């Protein structure tokens, strides 16, 4: 069982998950994919994703829950319920202490965090490891952080109020720094987001 839980927007790359899931199903038809989230800004991207699901032929193995889910306890219990014994449950989340923008010099061009939280539909700031352990009833078996200060510059630019041309220019200038940041980032180094994994008993 695979779970996608979060905002549905182009930068999330859900179309790549659908493509990868199609390959998994060819090897094992027991796989299921749950999409739980909320389309961001407009429904156009979600329409494209649904078309990709239909065209790939995996529609009967995809469970769609396209609504906001503020009750994380209910979502957690349901995720554990539908995960078969021995299966893995993967969760990625912003850390409870994340902040935006990552770089102070970007503040003049970036919206305040409260505005972003509302636009994203976030009902909580994020989680830390102890909070997730309480939520799932046990500590995760594995975890790895990502989005550090080097790669966070891309996030600052992506959600800034800069025009499209300026953002594209900054993407190009910041690319070497971002690539270096991803390449050198150890799995357990400090980051602003973390992926956690539990295995169902």
N, C-alpha and C. Protein backbone atom coordinates (compact mmCIF):
# COMPACT_ATOMS: atom_id res chain seq x y z
N UNK A 1 0.84 -1.18 0.00
CA UNK A 1 0.00 0.00 0.00
C UNK A 1 0.88 1.25 0.00
N UNK A 2 0.63 2.16 -0.94
CA UNK A 2 1.34 3.42 -1.00
C UNK A 2 0.36 4.54 -0.69
N UNK A 3 0.83 5.55 0.05
CA UNK A 3 -0.02 6.66 0.45
C UNK A 3 0.60 7.98 0.01
N UNK A 4 -0.16 8.75 -0.78
CA UNK A 4 0.21 10.13 -1.09
C UNK A 4 -0.72 11.00 -0.27
N UNK A 5 -0.15 11.81 0.64
CA UNK A 5 -0.96 12.60 1.55
C UNK A 5 -0.44 14.02 1.56
N UNK A 6 -1.18 14.95 0.94
CA UNK A 6 -0.71 16.33 0.92
C UNK A 6 -1.37 17.12 -0.18
N UNK A 7 -0.87 18.32 -0.41
CA UNK A 7 -1.42 19.18 -1.46
C UNK A 7 -1.18 18.57 -2.83
N UNK A 8 -2.17 18.72 -3.71
CA UNK A 8 -2.06 18.22 -5.08
C UNK A 8 -1.77 19.41 -5.98
N UNK A 9 -0.51 19.52 -6.39
CA UNK A 9 -0.06 20.64 -7.21
C UNK A 9 1.10 20.16 -8.07
N UNK A 10 1.37 20.85 -9.19
CA UNK A 10 2.43 20.39 -10.10
C UNK A 10 3.78 20.17 -9.44
N UNK A 11 4.16 21.04 -8.48
CA UNK A 11 5.49 20.90 -7.89
C UNK A 11 5.62 19.65 -7.03
N UNK A 12 4.50 18.99 -6.70
CA UNK A 12 4.55 17.76 -5.92
C UNK A 12 4.93 16.54 -6.78
N UNK A 13 4.77 16.66 -8.11
CA UNK A 13 5.19 15.58 -9.00
C UNK A 13 4.35 14.32 -8.93
N UNK A 14 3.05 14.48 -8.68
CA UNK A 14 2.17 13.32 -8.55
C UNK A 14 2.13 12.50 -9.83
N UNK A 15 2.31 13.14 -10.98
CA UNK A 15 2.29 12.42 -12.24
C UNK A 15 3.42 11.39 -12.32
N UNK A 16 4.56 11.68 -11.67
CA UNK A 16 5.67 10.73 -11.66
C UNK A 16 5.36 9.53 -10.76
N UNK A 17 4.63 9.80 -9.67
CA UNK A 17 4.21 8.71 -8.80
C UNK A 17 3.27 7.77 -9.55
N UNK A 18 2.36 8.31 -10.34
CA UNK A 18 1.44 7.48 -11.12
C UNK A 18 2.21 6.61 -12.09
N UNK A 19 3.21 7.20 -12.75
CA UNK A 19 4.02 6.44 -13.70
C UNK A 19 4.79 5.32 -13.01
N UNK A 20 5.38 5.62 -11.84
CA UNK A 20 6.12 4.61 -11.10
C UNK A 20 5.18 3.53 -10.56
N UNK A 21 4.00 3.94 -10.14
CA UNK A 21 3.02 2.99 -9.62
C UNK A 21 2.58 2.03 -10.71
N UNK A 22 2.45 2.52 -11.92
CA UNK A 22 2.09 1.67 -13.06
C UNK A 22 3.12 0.56 -13.24
N UNK A 23 4.41 0.90 -13.06
CA UNK A 23 5.46 -0.11 -13.18
C UNK A 23 5.40 -1.13 -12.03
N UNK A 24 5.08 -0.65 -10.82
CA UNK A 24 4.96 -1.56 -9.68
C UNK A 24 3.84 -2.57 -9.89
N UNK A 25 2.72 -2.09 -10.39
CA UNK A 25 1.55 -2.96 -10.59
C UNK A 25 1.85 -4.05 -11.61
N UNK A 26 2.70 -3.75 -12.58
CA UNK A 26 3.06 -4.77 -13.56
C UNK A 26 3.79 -5.94 -12.91
N UNK A 27 4.49 -5.65 -11.79
CA UNK A 27 5.23 -6.71 -11.09
C UNK A 27 4.37 -7.39 -10.03
N UNK A 28 3.47 -6.63 -9.40
CA UNK A 28 2.64 -7.19 -8.33
C UNK A 28 1.29 -6.47 -8.32
N UNK A 29 0.25 -7.17 -8.71
CA UNK A 29 -1.07 -6.55 -8.82
C UNK A 29 -1.74 -6.32 -7.47
N UNK A 30 -1.09 -6.68 -6.38
CA UNK A 30 -1.65 -6.46 -5.05
C UNK A 30 -1.42 -5.05 -4.54
N UNK A 31 -0.59 -4.27 -5.24
CA UNK A 31 -0.32 -2.91 -4.79
C UNK A 31 -1.58 -2.05 -4.90
N UNK A 32 -1.72 -1.12 -3.94
CA UNK A 32 -2.79 -0.12 -3.97
C UNK A 32 -2.17 1.24 -3.67
N UNK A 33 -2.74 2.28 -4.26
CA UNK A 33 -2.27 3.64 -4.04
C UNK A 33 -3.43 4.48 -3.51
N UNK A 34 -3.22 5.13 -2.38
CA UNK A 34 -4.20 6.06 -1.82
C UNK A 34 -3.71 7.48 -2.08
N UNK A 35 -4.54 8.30 -2.71
CA UNK A 35 -4.24 9.71 -2.92
C UNK A 35 -5.16 10.50 -2.00
N UNK A 36 -4.60 11.10 -0.97
CA UNK A 36 -5.39 11.86 0.00
C UNK A 36 -4.84 13.27 0.07
N UNK A 37 -5.62 14.24 -0.36
CA UNK A 37 -5.12 15.61 -0.36
C UNK A 37 -6.14 16.58 -0.89
N UNK A 38 -5.65 17.71 -1.30
CA UNK A 38 -6.51 18.80 -1.75
C UNK A 38 -5.87 19.48 -2.96
N UNK A 39 -6.59 19.56 -4.10
CA UNK A 39 -6.02 20.28 -5.25
C UNK A 39 -5.72 21.72 -4.89
N UNK A 40 -4.54 22.17 -5.27
CA UNK A 40 -4.09 23.51 -4.91
C UNK A 40 -4.29 24.48 -6.07
N UNK A 41 -4.86 25.65 -5.73
CA UNK A 41 -5.07 26.76 -6.66
C UNK A 41 -6.17 26.49 -7.68
N UNK A 42 -6.10 25.39 -8.42
CA UNK A 42 -7.15 25.08 -9.39
C UNK A 42 -7.21 23.57 -9.59
N UNK A 43 -8.29 23.14 -10.21
CA UNK A 43 -8.45 21.71 -10.43
C UNK A 43 -7.83 21.21 -11.72
N UNK A 44 -7.19 22.11 -12.49
CA UNK A 44 -6.65 21.71 -13.79
C UNK A 44 -5.60 20.61 -13.66
N UNK A 45 -4.70 20.76 -12.69
CA UNK A 45 -3.64 19.75 -12.54
C UNK A 45 -4.24 18.42 -12.08
N UNK A 46 -5.20 18.47 -11.17
CA UNK A 46 -5.83 17.24 -10.72
C UNK A 46 -6.55 16.54 -11.88
N UNK A 47 -7.13 17.30 -12.78
CA UNK A 47 -7.76 16.72 -13.96
C UNK A 47 -6.73 15.98 -14.80
N UNK A 48 -5.53 16.57 -14.95
CA UNK A 48 -4.46 15.93 -15.71
C UNK A 48 -4.01 14.63 -15.03
N UNK A 49 -3.92 14.66 -13.70
CA UNK A 49 -3.51 13.47 -12.95
C UNK A 49 -4.54 12.35 -13.12
N UNK A 50 -5.82 12.70 -13.01
CA UNK A 50 -6.88 11.70 -13.18
C UNK A 50 -6.84 11.10 -14.59
N UNK A 51 -6.53 11.93 -15.59
CA UNK A 51 -6.41 11.43 -16.95
C UNK A 51 -5.24 10.44 -17.05
N UNK A 52 -4.13 10.76 -16.37
CA UNK A 52 -2.97 9.85 -16.37
C UNK A 52 -3.32 8.53 -15.70
N UNK A 53 -4.11 8.58 -14.64
CA UNK A 53 -4.55 7.36 -13.96
C UNK A 53 -5.38 6.50 -14.89
N UNK A 54 -6.28 7.13 -15.61
CA UNK A 54 -7.16 6.40 -16.54
C UNK A 54 -6.34 5.79 -17.68
N UNK A 55 -5.44 6.57 -18.25
CA UNK A 55 -4.68 6.11 -19.41
C UNK A 55 -3.70 4.99 -19.05
N UNK A 56 -3.20 5.00 -17.82
CA UNK A 56 -2.24 3.97 -17.41
C UNK A 56 -2.92 2.65 -17.07
N UNK A 57 -4.23 2.69 -16.87
CA UNK A 57 -4.97 1.46 -16.58
C UNK A 57 -4.89 1.01 -15.13
N UNK A 58 -4.50 1.89 -14.22
CA UNK A 58 -4.38 1.50 -12.81
C UNK A 58 -5.52 2.08 -11.96
N UNK A 59 -6.54 2.59 -12.62
CA UNK A 59 -7.63 3.25 -11.91
C UNK A 59 -8.30 2.39 -10.86
N UNK A 60 -8.36 1.07 -11.10
CA UNK A 60 -9.01 0.19 -10.14
C UNK A 60 -8.15 -0.09 -8.92
N UNK A 61 -6.91 0.40 -8.94
CA UNK A 61 -6.00 0.19 -7.81
C UNK A 61 -5.62 1.50 -7.12
N UNK A 62 -6.30 2.59 -7.51
CA UNK A 62 -6.04 3.90 -6.93
C UNK A 62 -7.27 4.34 -6.15
N UNK A 63 -7.08 4.67 -4.88
CA UNK A 63 -8.15 5.15 -4.03
C UNK A 63 -7.97 6.65 -3.86
N UNK A 64 -8.95 7.43 -4.29
CA UNK A 64 -8.84 8.89 -4.26
C UNK A 64 -9.62 9.45 -3.08
N UNK A 65 -8.96 10.26 -2.30
CA UNK A 65 -9.61 10.97 -1.20
C UNK A 65 -9.20 12.43 -1.30
N UNK A 66 -9.81 13.11 -2.26
CA UNK A 66 -9.38 14.47 -2.57
C UNK A 66 -10.19 15.46 -1.74
N UNK A 67 -9.87 15.53 -0.49
CA UNK A 67 -10.46 16.53 0.39
C UNK A 67 -9.47 16.84 1.49
N UNK A 68 -9.70 17.92 2.18
CA UNK A 68 -8.79 18.27 3.26
C UNK A 68 -9.04 17.35 4.44
N UNK A 69 -7.98 16.88 5.08
CA UNK A 69 -8.11 15.94 6.18
C UNK A 69 -7.44 16.54 7.42
N UNK A 70 -8.20 17.32 8.21
CA UNK A 70 -7.60 17.96 9.37
C UNK A 70 -7.36 17.02 10.54
N UNK A 71 -8.10 15.90 10.60
CA UNK A 71 -7.96 14.97 11.72
C UNK A 71 -6.86 13.97 11.41
N UNK A 72 -5.65 14.25 11.87
CA UNK A 72 -4.53 13.37 11.55
C UNK A 72 -4.65 12.01 12.23
N UNK A 73 -5.35 11.95 13.34
CA UNK A 73 -5.55 10.66 14.00
C UNK A 73 -6.37 9.71 13.15
N UNK A 74 -7.45 10.21 12.54
CA UNK A 74 -8.28 9.39 11.67
C UNK A 74 -7.48 8.96 10.44
N UNK A 75 -6.74 9.90 9.86
CA UNK A 75 -5.94 9.57 8.67
C UNK A 75 -4.89 8.51 8.98
N UNK A 76 -4.26 8.62 10.14
CA UNK A 76 -3.24 7.65 10.54
C UNK A 76 -3.83 6.26 10.73
N UNK A 77 -4.94 6.20 11.44
CA UNK A 77 -5.58 4.89 11.68
C UNK A 77 -6.01 4.24 10.38
N UNK A 78 -6.53 5.04 9.46
CA UNK A 78 -6.97 4.49 8.17
C UNK A 78 -5.78 4.01 7.35
N UNK A 79 -4.69 4.77 7.38
CA UNK A 79 -3.49 4.36 6.64
C UNK A 79 -2.95 3.05 7.18
N UNK A 80 -2.93 2.91 8.51
CA UNK A 80 -2.46 1.66 9.10
C UNK A 80 -3.41 0.51 8.81
N UNK A 81 -4.69 0.80 8.77
CA UNK A 81 -5.69 -0.25 8.55
C UNK A 81 -5.54 -0.87 7.16
N UNK A 82 -5.28 -0.03 6.17
CA UNK A 82 -5.27 -0.53 4.79
C UNK A 82 -3.88 -1.03 4.37
N UNK A 83 -2.87 -0.86 5.23
CA UNK A 83 -1.54 -1.37 4.92
C UNK A 83 -1.46 -2.83 5.33
N UNK A 84 -1.11 -3.70 4.41
CA UNK A 84 -1.10 -5.12 4.72
C UNK A 84 0.07 -5.46 5.64
N UNK A 85 -0.02 -6.54 6.43
CA UNK A 85 1.08 -6.96 7.30
C UNK A 85 2.39 -7.10 6.52
N UNK A 86 3.44 -6.52 7.05
CA UNK A 86 4.72 -6.55 6.37
C UNK A 86 4.91 -5.40 5.40
N UNK A 87 3.83 -4.65 5.13
CA UNK A 87 3.92 -3.52 4.20
C UNK A 87 4.51 -2.29 4.87
N UNK A 88 5.02 -1.39 4.05
CA UNK A 88 5.65 -0.17 4.54
C UNK A 88 4.70 1.01 4.38
N UNK A 89 4.70 1.87 5.37
CA UNK A 89 3.94 3.12 5.31
C UNK A 89 4.94 4.27 5.34
N UNK A 90 4.93 5.09 4.31
CA UNK A 90 5.88 6.19 4.18
C UNK A 90 5.17 7.52 4.35
N UNK A 91 5.76 8.40 5.13
CA UNK A 91 5.18 9.73 5.38
C UNK A 91 6.29 10.76 5.28
N UNK A 92 6.05 11.81 4.50
CA UNK A 92 7.00 12.94 4.50
C UNK A 92 6.26 14.16 5.01
N UNK A 93 6.94 14.98 5.80
CA UNK A 93 6.29 16.11 6.43
C UNK A 93 7.27 17.25 6.67
N UNK A 94 6.78 18.49 6.62
CA UNK A 94 7.63 19.58 7.09
C UNK A 94 7.94 19.38 8.57
N UNK A 95 9.11 19.77 9.00
CA UNK A 95 9.43 19.68 10.41
C UNK A 95 8.68 20.76 11.19
N UNK A 96 8.45 20.50 12.45
CA UNK A 96 7.65 21.41 13.27
C UNK A 96 8.32 22.79 13.40
N UNK A 97 9.64 22.85 13.21
CA UNK A 97 10.35 24.12 13.38
C UNK A 97 10.77 24.76 12.05
N UNK A 98 10.14 24.37 10.94
CA UNK A 98 10.51 24.96 9.66
C UNK A 98 10.10 26.44 9.64
N UNK A 99 10.74 27.20 8.78
CA UNK A 99 10.34 28.59 8.62
C UNK A 99 10.53 28.99 7.16
N UNK A 100 9.80 30.03 6.76
CA UNK A 100 9.85 30.52 5.39
C UNK A 100 9.96 32.04 5.43
N UNK A 101 10.85 32.59 4.61
CA UNK A 101 11.77 31.92 3.70
C UNK A 101 12.98 31.35 4.44
N UNK A 102 13.67 30.46 3.77
CA UNK A 102 14.88 29.88 4.35
C UNK A 102 15.97 30.93 4.49
N UNK A 103 16.06 31.80 3.50
CA UNK A 103 17.10 32.83 3.47
C UNK A 103 16.48 34.20 3.78
N UNK A 104 17.04 34.88 4.78
CA UNK A 104 16.49 36.16 5.24
C UNK A 104 16.43 37.21 4.14
N UNK A 105 17.40 37.21 3.22
CA UNK A 105 17.42 38.25 2.18
C UNK A 105 16.23 38.13 1.22
N UNK A 106 15.53 36.98 1.24
CA UNK A 106 14.39 36.79 0.35
C UNK A 106 13.08 37.32 0.94
N UNK A 107 13.09 37.77 2.20
CA UNK A 107 11.85 38.16 2.86
C UNK A 107 11.09 39.27 2.13
N UNK A 108 11.80 40.20 1.54
CA UNK A 108 11.13 41.33 0.88
C UNK A 108 10.32 40.89 -0.33
N UNK A 109 10.62 39.70 -0.88
CA UNK A 109 9.90 39.22 -2.06
C UNK A 109 8.96 38.05 -1.75
N UNK A 110 8.95 37.60 -0.50
CA UNK A 110 8.17 36.40 -0.15
C UNK A 110 6.94 36.75 0.68
N UNK A 111 5.84 36.04 0.48
CA UNK A 111 4.66 36.26 1.31
C UNK A 111 4.92 35.75 2.73
N UNK A 112 4.16 36.24 3.71
CA UNK A 112 4.35 35.74 5.07
C UNK A 112 3.93 34.27 5.19
N UNK A 113 4.46 33.60 6.19
CA UNK A 113 4.15 32.18 6.37
C UNK A 113 2.65 31.93 6.51
N UNK A 114 1.97 32.82 7.23
CA UNK A 114 0.53 32.63 7.45
C UNK A 114 -0.24 32.59 6.13
N UNK A 115 0.18 33.41 5.19
CA UNK A 115 -0.46 33.42 3.87
C UNK A 115 -0.21 32.12 3.12
N UNK A 116 1.03 31.61 3.22
CA UNK A 116 1.36 30.34 2.57
C UNK A 116 0.59 29.19 3.20
N UNK A 117 0.53 29.17 4.52
CA UNK A 117 -0.17 28.09 5.21
C UNK A 117 -1.63 28.04 4.78
N UNK A 118 -2.24 29.21 4.63
CA UNK A 118 -3.63 29.26 4.21
C UNK A 118 -3.77 28.80 2.76
N UNK A 119 -2.86 29.23 1.91
CA UNK A 119 -2.92 28.83 0.49
C UNK A 119 -2.71 27.34 0.33
N UNK A 120 -1.81 26.77 1.13
CA UNK A 120 -1.52 25.34 1.06
C UNK A 120 -2.61 24.49 1.71
N UNK A 121 -3.44 25.12 2.54
CA UNK A 121 -4.45 24.37 3.25
C UNK A 121 -3.89 23.62 4.45
N UNK A 122 -2.71 24.02 4.94
CA UNK A 122 -2.13 23.35 6.10
C UNK A 122 -2.90 23.72 7.36
N UNK A 123 -3.24 22.73 8.16
CA UNK A 123 -3.92 22.99 9.42
C UNK A 123 -2.96 22.85 10.60
N UNK A 124 -1.72 22.50 10.31
CA UNK A 124 -0.70 22.44 11.36
C UNK A 124 0.66 22.73 10.71
N UNK A 125 1.60 23.15 11.51
CA UNK A 125 2.89 23.57 10.98
C UNK A 125 3.71 22.41 10.46
N UNK A 126 3.69 21.32 11.15
CA UNK A 126 4.47 20.16 10.77
C UNK A 126 4.58 19.21 11.95
N UNK A 127 5.50 18.28 11.89
CA UNK A 127 5.66 17.28 12.94
C UNK A 127 7.14 17.10 13.27
N UNK A 128 7.39 16.67 14.50
CA UNK A 128 8.72 16.18 14.83
C UNK A 128 8.61 14.67 15.09
N UNK A 129 9.74 14.02 15.26
CA UNK A 129 9.76 12.56 15.41
C UNK A 129 8.93 12.08 16.61
N UNK A 130 9.04 12.70 17.80
CA UNK A 130 8.22 12.24 18.93
C UNK A 130 6.71 12.37 18.67
N UNK A 131 6.31 13.45 18.01
CA UNK A 131 4.88 13.64 17.72
C UNK A 131 4.36 12.56 16.79
N UNK A 132 5.14 12.20 15.79
CA UNK A 132 4.73 11.14 14.87
C UNK A 132 4.73 9.78 15.55
N UNK A 133 5.66 9.56 16.46
CA UNK A 133 5.69 8.31 17.21
C UNK A 133 4.42 8.16 18.05
N UNK A 134 3.97 9.26 18.66
CA UNK A 134 2.72 9.21 19.43
C UNK A 134 1.54 8.97 18.51
N UNK A 135 1.55 9.60 17.34
CA UNK A 135 0.44 9.49 16.41
C UNK A 135 0.29 8.07 15.87
N UNK A 136 1.43 7.43 15.55
CA UNK A 136 1.40 6.08 14.98
C UNK A 136 1.51 4.99 16.03
N UNK A 137 1.74 5.37 17.28
CA UNK A 137 1.83 4.39 18.35
C UNK A 137 3.17 3.71 18.48
N UNK A 138 4.11 4.08 17.64
CA UNK A 138 5.46 3.51 17.68
C UNK A 138 6.40 4.41 16.90
N UNK A 139 7.67 4.37 17.24
CA UNK A 139 8.65 5.20 16.53
C UNK A 139 8.88 4.67 15.12
N UNK A 140 9.15 5.53 14.16
CA UNK A 140 9.45 5.06 12.80
C UNK A 140 10.73 4.24 12.77
N UNK A 141 10.77 3.27 11.87
CA UNK A 141 11.96 2.42 11.75
C UNK A 141 13.09 3.14 11.01
N UNK A 142 12.71 4.00 10.09
CA UNK A 142 13.72 4.72 9.30
C UNK A 142 13.26 6.15 9.10
N UNK A 143 14.23 7.03 8.87
CA UNK A 143 13.89 8.40 8.52
C UNK A 143 15.06 9.04 7.78
N UNK A 144 14.75 10.01 6.99
CA UNK A 144 15.78 10.75 6.25
C UNK A 144 15.28 12.16 6.01
N UNK A 145 16.14 13.12 6.28
CA UNK A 145 15.76 14.52 6.10
C UNK A 145 16.07 14.98 4.67
N UNK A 146 15.45 16.07 4.28
CA UNK A 146 15.74 16.69 2.99
C UNK A 146 15.31 18.15 3.06
N UNK A 147 15.57 18.90 2.02
CA UNK A 147 15.36 20.35 1.96
C UNK A 147 16.21 21.05 3.03
N UNK A 148 17.48 21.26 2.73
CA UNK A 148 18.38 21.98 3.63
C UNK A 148 18.48 23.44 3.20
N UNK A 149 19.37 24.19 3.79
CA UNK A 149 19.45 25.62 3.45
C UNK A 149 19.84 25.85 1.99
N UNK A 150 20.67 24.98 1.46
CA UNK A 150 21.09 25.14 0.06
C UNK A 150 19.92 24.88 -0.89
N UNK A 151 19.22 23.78 -0.68
CA UNK A 151 18.10 23.44 -1.56
C UNK A 151 16.87 24.30 -1.23
N UNK A 152 16.82 24.82 0.01
CA UNK A 152 15.68 25.65 0.40
C UNK A 152 15.58 26.94 -0.38
N UNK A 153 16.69 27.38 -0.98
CA UNK A 153 16.63 28.59 -1.79
C UNK A 153 15.66 28.42 -2.96
N UNK A 154 15.60 27.21 -3.51
CA UNK A 154 14.64 26.94 -4.58
C UNK A 154 13.21 27.12 -4.09
N UNK A 155 12.93 26.68 -2.87
CA UNK A 155 11.59 26.87 -2.29
C UNK A 155 11.29 28.35 -2.11
N UNK A 156 12.27 29.10 -1.63
CA UNK A 156 12.07 30.53 -1.44
C UNK A 156 11.68 31.20 -2.75
N UNK A 157 12.38 30.85 -3.81
CA UNK A 157 12.11 31.45 -5.12
C UNK A 157 10.77 30.97 -5.66
N UNK A 158 10.48 29.67 -5.51
CA UNK A 158 9.26 29.10 -6.07
C UNK A 158 7.99 29.75 -5.53
N UNK A 159 7.99 30.07 -4.24
CA UNK A 159 6.78 30.61 -3.61
C UNK A 159 6.86 32.11 -3.41
N UNK A 160 7.84 32.76 -4.03
CA UNK A 160 8.00 34.20 -3.89
C UNK A 160 7.01 34.93 -4.80
N UNK A 161 6.97 36.25 -4.65
CA UNK A 161 6.11 37.09 -5.49
C UNK A 161 6.86 37.63 -6.70
N UNK A 162 8.04 37.12 -6.93
CA UNK A 162 8.80 37.54 -8.11
C UNK A 162 8.10 37.08 -9.37
N UNK A 163 8.26 37.84 -10.46
CA UNK A 163 7.67 37.45 -11.73
C UNK A 163 8.29 36.17 -12.27
N UNK A 164 7.61 35.58 -13.23
CA UNK A 164 8.05 34.30 -13.76
C UNK A 164 9.46 34.38 -14.36
N UNK A 165 9.76 35.42 -15.11
CA UNK A 165 11.08 35.54 -15.73
C UNK A 165 12.19 35.65 -14.69
N UNK A 166 11.94 36.42 -13.63
CA UNK A 166 12.94 36.56 -12.58
C UNK A 166 13.13 35.24 -11.84
N UNK A 167 12.03 34.52 -11.62
CA UNK A 167 12.15 33.23 -10.94
C UNK A 167 12.97 32.26 -11.78
N UNK A 168 12.73 32.22 -13.09
CA UNK A 168 13.48 31.32 -13.97
C UNK A 168 14.96 31.67 -13.96
N UNK A 169 15.26 32.97 -13.95
CA UNK A 169 16.66 33.39 -13.91
C UNK A 169 17.32 32.94 -12.61
N UNK A 170 16.63 33.12 -11.50
CA UNK A 170 17.17 32.71 -10.21
C UNK A 170 17.31 31.20 -10.11
N UNK A 171 16.36 30.47 -10.72
CA UNK A 171 16.49 29.00 -10.73
C UNK A 171 17.81 28.60 -11.38
N UNK A 172 18.10 29.22 -12.52
CA UNK A 172 19.33 28.89 -13.23
C UNK A 172 20.57 29.23 -12.42
N UNK A 173 20.56 30.41 -11.77
CA UNK A 173 21.71 30.84 -10.99
C UNK A 173 21.90 29.97 -9.74
N UNK A 174 20.78 29.53 -9.17
CA UNK A 174 20.86 28.76 -7.92
C UNK A 174 21.03 27.27 -8.14
N UNK A 175 20.90 26.80 -9.39
CA UNK A 175 20.96 25.36 -9.67
C UNK A 175 22.23 24.69 -9.15
N UNK A 176 23.43 25.25 -9.38
CA UNK A 176 24.64 24.58 -8.86
C UNK A 176 24.61 24.43 -7.34
N UNK A 177 24.13 25.46 -6.63
CA UNK A 177 24.06 25.39 -5.17
C UNK A 177 23.07 24.32 -4.73
N UNK A 178 21.89 24.27 -5.39
CA UNK A 178 20.88 23.29 -5.03
C UNK A 178 21.37 21.86 -5.29
N UNK A 179 22.01 21.64 -6.44
CA UNK A 179 22.52 20.31 -6.76
C UNK A 179 23.57 19.87 -5.75
N UNK A 180 24.44 20.80 -5.38
CA UNK A 180 25.47 20.49 -4.39
C UNK A 180 24.82 20.18 -3.04
N UNK A 181 23.77 20.93 -2.71
CA UNK A 181 23.08 20.70 -1.45
C UNK A 181 22.45 19.33 -1.38
N UNK A 182 21.82 18.88 -2.47
CA UNK A 182 21.23 17.54 -2.50
C UNK A 182 22.31 16.46 -2.45
N UNK A 183 23.38 16.68 -3.17
CA UNK A 183 24.44 15.68 -3.28
C UNK A 183 25.16 15.46 -1.95
N UNK A 184 25.39 16.54 -1.21
CA UNK A 184 26.17 16.45 0.02
C UNK A 184 25.32 16.24 1.27
N UNK A 185 24.01 16.23 1.13
CA UNK A 185 23.14 16.16 2.30
C UNK A 185 23.04 14.73 2.84
N UNK A 186 23.57 14.44 4.04
CA UNK A 186 23.43 13.11 4.62
C UNK A 186 21.99 12.86 5.05
N UNK A 187 21.59 11.60 5.07
CA UNK A 187 20.19 11.26 5.36
C UNK A 187 19.72 11.78 6.71
N UNK A 188 20.60 11.79 7.70
CA UNK A 188 20.19 12.18 9.04
C UNK A 188 20.69 13.57 9.43
N UNK A 189 21.10 14.35 8.45
CA UNK A 189 21.50 15.73 8.72
C UNK A 189 20.26 16.58 8.98
N UNK A 190 20.45 17.75 9.52
CA UNK A 190 19.32 18.64 9.78
C UNK A 190 18.73 19.14 8.47
N UNK A 191 17.42 19.04 8.35
CA UNK A 191 16.72 19.53 7.17
C UNK A 191 15.41 20.15 7.60
N UNK A 192 14.69 20.75 6.67
CA UNK A 192 13.41 21.36 7.02
C UNK A 192 12.23 20.41 6.78
N UNK A 193 12.47 19.31 6.08
CA UNK A 193 11.45 18.28 5.90
C UNK A 193 12.09 16.91 6.11
N UNK A 194 11.27 15.96 6.54
CA UNK A 194 11.78 14.62 6.84
C UNK A 194 10.80 13.56 6.34
N UNK A 195 11.34 12.48 5.81
CA UNK A 195 10.54 11.32 5.42
C UNK A 195 10.71 10.23 6.47
N UNK A 196 9.61 9.61 6.88
CA UNK A 196 9.62 8.57 7.91
C UNK A 196 9.00 7.30 7.35
N UNK A 197 9.42 6.16 7.88
CA UNK A 197 8.90 4.87 7.41
C UNK A 197 8.57 3.97 8.60
N UNK A 198 7.37 3.38 8.53
CA UNK A 198 6.94 2.38 9.50
C UNK A 198 6.64 1.08 8.74
N UNK A 199 6.81 -0.04 9.41
CA UNK A 199 6.45 -1.32 8.81
C UNK A 199 5.33 -1.95 9.61
N UNK A 200 4.27 -2.30 8.93
CA UNK A 200 3.10 -2.88 9.61
C UNK A 200 3.42 -4.28 10.11
N UNK A 201 3.15 -4.51 11.39
CA UNK A 201 3.43 -5.82 12.00
C UNK A 201 2.50 -6.88 11.40
